[in-house]
C-alpha atoms as a PDB file:
ATOM      1  CA  MET A   1     -11.016  23.376 -32.033  1.00  0.00           C
ATOM      2  CA  MET A   2     -12.703  21.516 -29.063  1.00  0.00           C
ATOM      3  CA  THR A   3     -16.190  20.343 -29.277  1.00  0.00           C
ATOM      4  CA  GLU A   4     -19.094  20.235 -26.715  1.00  0.00           C
ATOM      5  CA  GLY A   5     -18.493  18.930 -23.023  1.00  0.00           C
ATOM      6  CA  GLU A   6     -14.450  19.572 -23.734  1.00  0.00           C
ATOM      7  CA  VAL A   7     -13.006  21.011 -21.403  1.00  0.00           C
ATOM      8  CA  GLN A   8      -9.963  22.857 -21.195  1.00  0.00           C
ATOM      9  CA  VAL A   9      -6.616  22.210 -18.623  1.00  0.00           C
ATOM     10  CA  ASN A  10      -3.617  24.555 -18.842  1.00  0.00           C
ATOM     11  CA  GLY A  11      -4.051  24.824 -22.753  1.00  0.00           C
ATOM     12  CA  LEU A  12      -5.139  21.094 -22.734  1.00  0.00           C
ATOM     13  CA  SER A  13      -7.853  19.801 -23.782  1.00  0.00           C
ATOM     14  CA  ASP A  14      -9.883  16.377 -21.520  1.00  0.00           C
ATOM     15  CA  LEU A  15      -9.387  14.985 -24.210  1.00  0.00           C
ATOM     16  CA  GLY A  16      -5.714  13.981 -24.761  1.00  0.00           C
ATOM     17  CA  TYR A  17      -4.585  15.219 -21.456  1.00  0.00           C
ATOM     18  CA  ARG A  18      -4.969  13.067 -17.921  1.00  0.00           C
ATOM     19  CA  ALA A  19      -3.647  13.182 -15.056  1.00  0.00           C
ATOM     20  CA  PHE A  20      -3.597  10.691 -11.606  1.00  0.00           C
ATOM     21  CA  LEU A  21      -1.732  10.052  -7.791  1.00  0.00           C
ATOM     22  CA  LEU A  22       0.044   7.285  -8.094  1.00  0.00           C
ATOM     23  CA  ARG A  23       0.049   5.725  -4.599  1.00  0.00           C
ATOM     24  CA  CYS A  24       3.137   3.320  -4.066  1.00  0.00           C
ATOM     25  CA  TRP A  25       3.275   0.727  -0.786  1.00  0.00           C
ATOM     26  CA  GLN A  26       5.425  -1.995  -0.103  1.00  0.00           C
ATOM     27  CA  GLU A  27       3.439  -4.528   1.476  1.00  0.00           C
ATOM     28  CA  ALA A  28       6.120  -6.705   4.023  1.00  0.00           C
ATOM     29  CA  THR A  29       4.573 -10.599   2.625  1.00  0.00           C
ATOM     30  CA  GLY A  30       2.524 -11.135  -0.542  1.00  0.00           C
ATOM     31  CA  GLY A  31       5.484 -12.212  -3.028  1.00  0.00           C
ATOM     32  CA  HIS A  32       6.775 -15.542  -3.793  1.00  0.00           C
ATOM     33  CA  ASP A  33       7.904 -16.683  -0.982  1.00  0.00           C
ATOM     34  CA  ASP A  34       6.426 -14.112   1.605  1.00  0.00           C
ATOM     35  CA  GLU A  35       8.802 -11.622  -0.395  1.00  0.00           C
ATOM     36  CA  PRO A  36       7.930  -7.912   0.555  1.00  0.00           C
ATOM     37  CA  VAL A  37       5.356  -6.426  -2.839  1.00  0.00           C
ATOM     38  CA  TRP A  38       4.554  -3.092  -3.921  1.00  0.00           C
ATOM     39  CA  ARG A  39       1.307  -2.619  -4.251  1.00  0.00           C
ATOM     40  CA  PHE A  40      -0.451   0.817  -6.649  1.00  0.00           C
ATOM     41  CA  GLY A  41      -3.694   3.058  -5.775  1.00  0.00           C
ATOM     42  CA  LEU A  42      -4.215   4.771  -8.890  1.00  0.00           C
ATOM     43  CA  VAL A  43      -6.723   7.871  -9.152  1.00  0.00           C
ATOM     44  CA  GLN A  44      -7.857  10.257 -11.990  1.00  0.00           C
ATOM     45  CA  ALA A  45      -7.957  13.726 -10.816  1.00  0.00           C
ATOM     46  CA  GLY A  46     -10.891  15.156 -11.081  1.00  0.00           C
ATOM     47  CA  HIS A  47     -12.854  11.915 -10.828  1.00  0.00           C
ATOM     48  CA  GLU A  48     -14.449  11.069  -7.621  1.00  0.00           C
ATOM     49  CA  GLY A  49     -13.822   7.723  -7.097  1.00  0.00           C
ATOM     50  CA  SER A  50     -12.680   6.651  -9.880  1.00  0.00           C
ATOM     51  CA  GLY A  51      -9.511   4.738  -7.506  1.00  0.00           C
ATOM     52  CA  ARG A  52      -8.085   1.847  -8.498  1.00  0.00           C
ATOM     53  CA  GLY A  53      -6.088  -0.542  -6.976  1.00  0.00           C
ATOM     54  CA  PHE A  54      -3.225  -2.782  -8.446  1.00  0.00           C
ATOM     55  CA  ALA A  55      -1.813  -6.024  -7.578  1.00  0.00           C
ATOM     56  CA  SER A  56       1.780  -5.812  -9.116  1.00  0.00           C
ATOM     57  CA  LEU A  57       3.194  -3.588 -11.300  1.00  0.00           C
ATOM     58  CA  GLU A  58       2.254  -5.204 -14.292  1.00  0.00           C
ATOM     59  CA  ALA A  59      -0.793  -5.143 -13.917  1.00  0.00           C
ATOM     60  CA  LEU A  60      -1.284  -1.137 -13.284  1.00  0.00           C
ATOM     61  CA  MET A  61       0.663  -0.894 -16.901  1.00  0.00           C
ATOM     62  CA  ALA A  62      -1.989  -2.738 -18.443  1.00  0.00           C
ATOM     63  CA  PHE A  63      -4.122  -0.116 -17.147  1.00  0.00           C
ATOM     64  CA  LEU A  64      -2.839   2.333 -17.579  1.00  0.00           C
ATOM     65  CA  HIS A  65      -1.635   1.107 -21.346  1.00  0.00           C
ATOM     66  CA  GLU A  66      -5.490   0.327 -21.433  1.00  0.00           C
ATOM     67  CA  GLU A  67      -6.432   3.573 -20.535  1.00  0.00           C
ATOM     68  CA  LEU A  68      -4.454   5.475 -22.317  1.00  0.00           C
ATOM     69  CA  GLY A  69      -4.589   3.921 -25.616  1.00  0.00           C
ATOM     70  CA  SER A  70      -8.538   4.372 -25.621  1.00  0.00           C
ATOM     71  CA  VAL A  71      -7.368   8.340 -25.761  1.00  0.00           C
ATOM     72  CA  PRO A  72      -7.372   9.547 -29.726  1.00  0.00           C
ATOM     73  CA  PRO A  73      -4.820  11.518 -30.582  1.00  0.00           C
ATOM     74  CA  ALA A  74      -3.798  14.724 -30.184  1.00  0.00           C
ATOM     75  CA  GLN A  75      -5.071  17.355 -33.268  1.00  0.00           C
ATOM     76  CA  PRO A  76      -3.183  19.770 -34.132  1.00  0.00           C
ATOM     77  CA  LYS A  77      -4.430  23.501 -33.831  1.00  0.00           C
END
């Protein structure tokens, strides 16, 4: 059963579904001993201005863990 304000996306409710655009790029320097380092950008689809940047894979994963850990468990139909 859907609650007020909940939206269906391809049969999935917005409370149990997230879509992100992930951008990954490598900077020539910035890591230990100026080695190349990966950087990440994440934007949640459908949420203007939701972009976030991450200086490491660990920071990106910590954000996703926190973001998705706050999603209530899906209810059986």
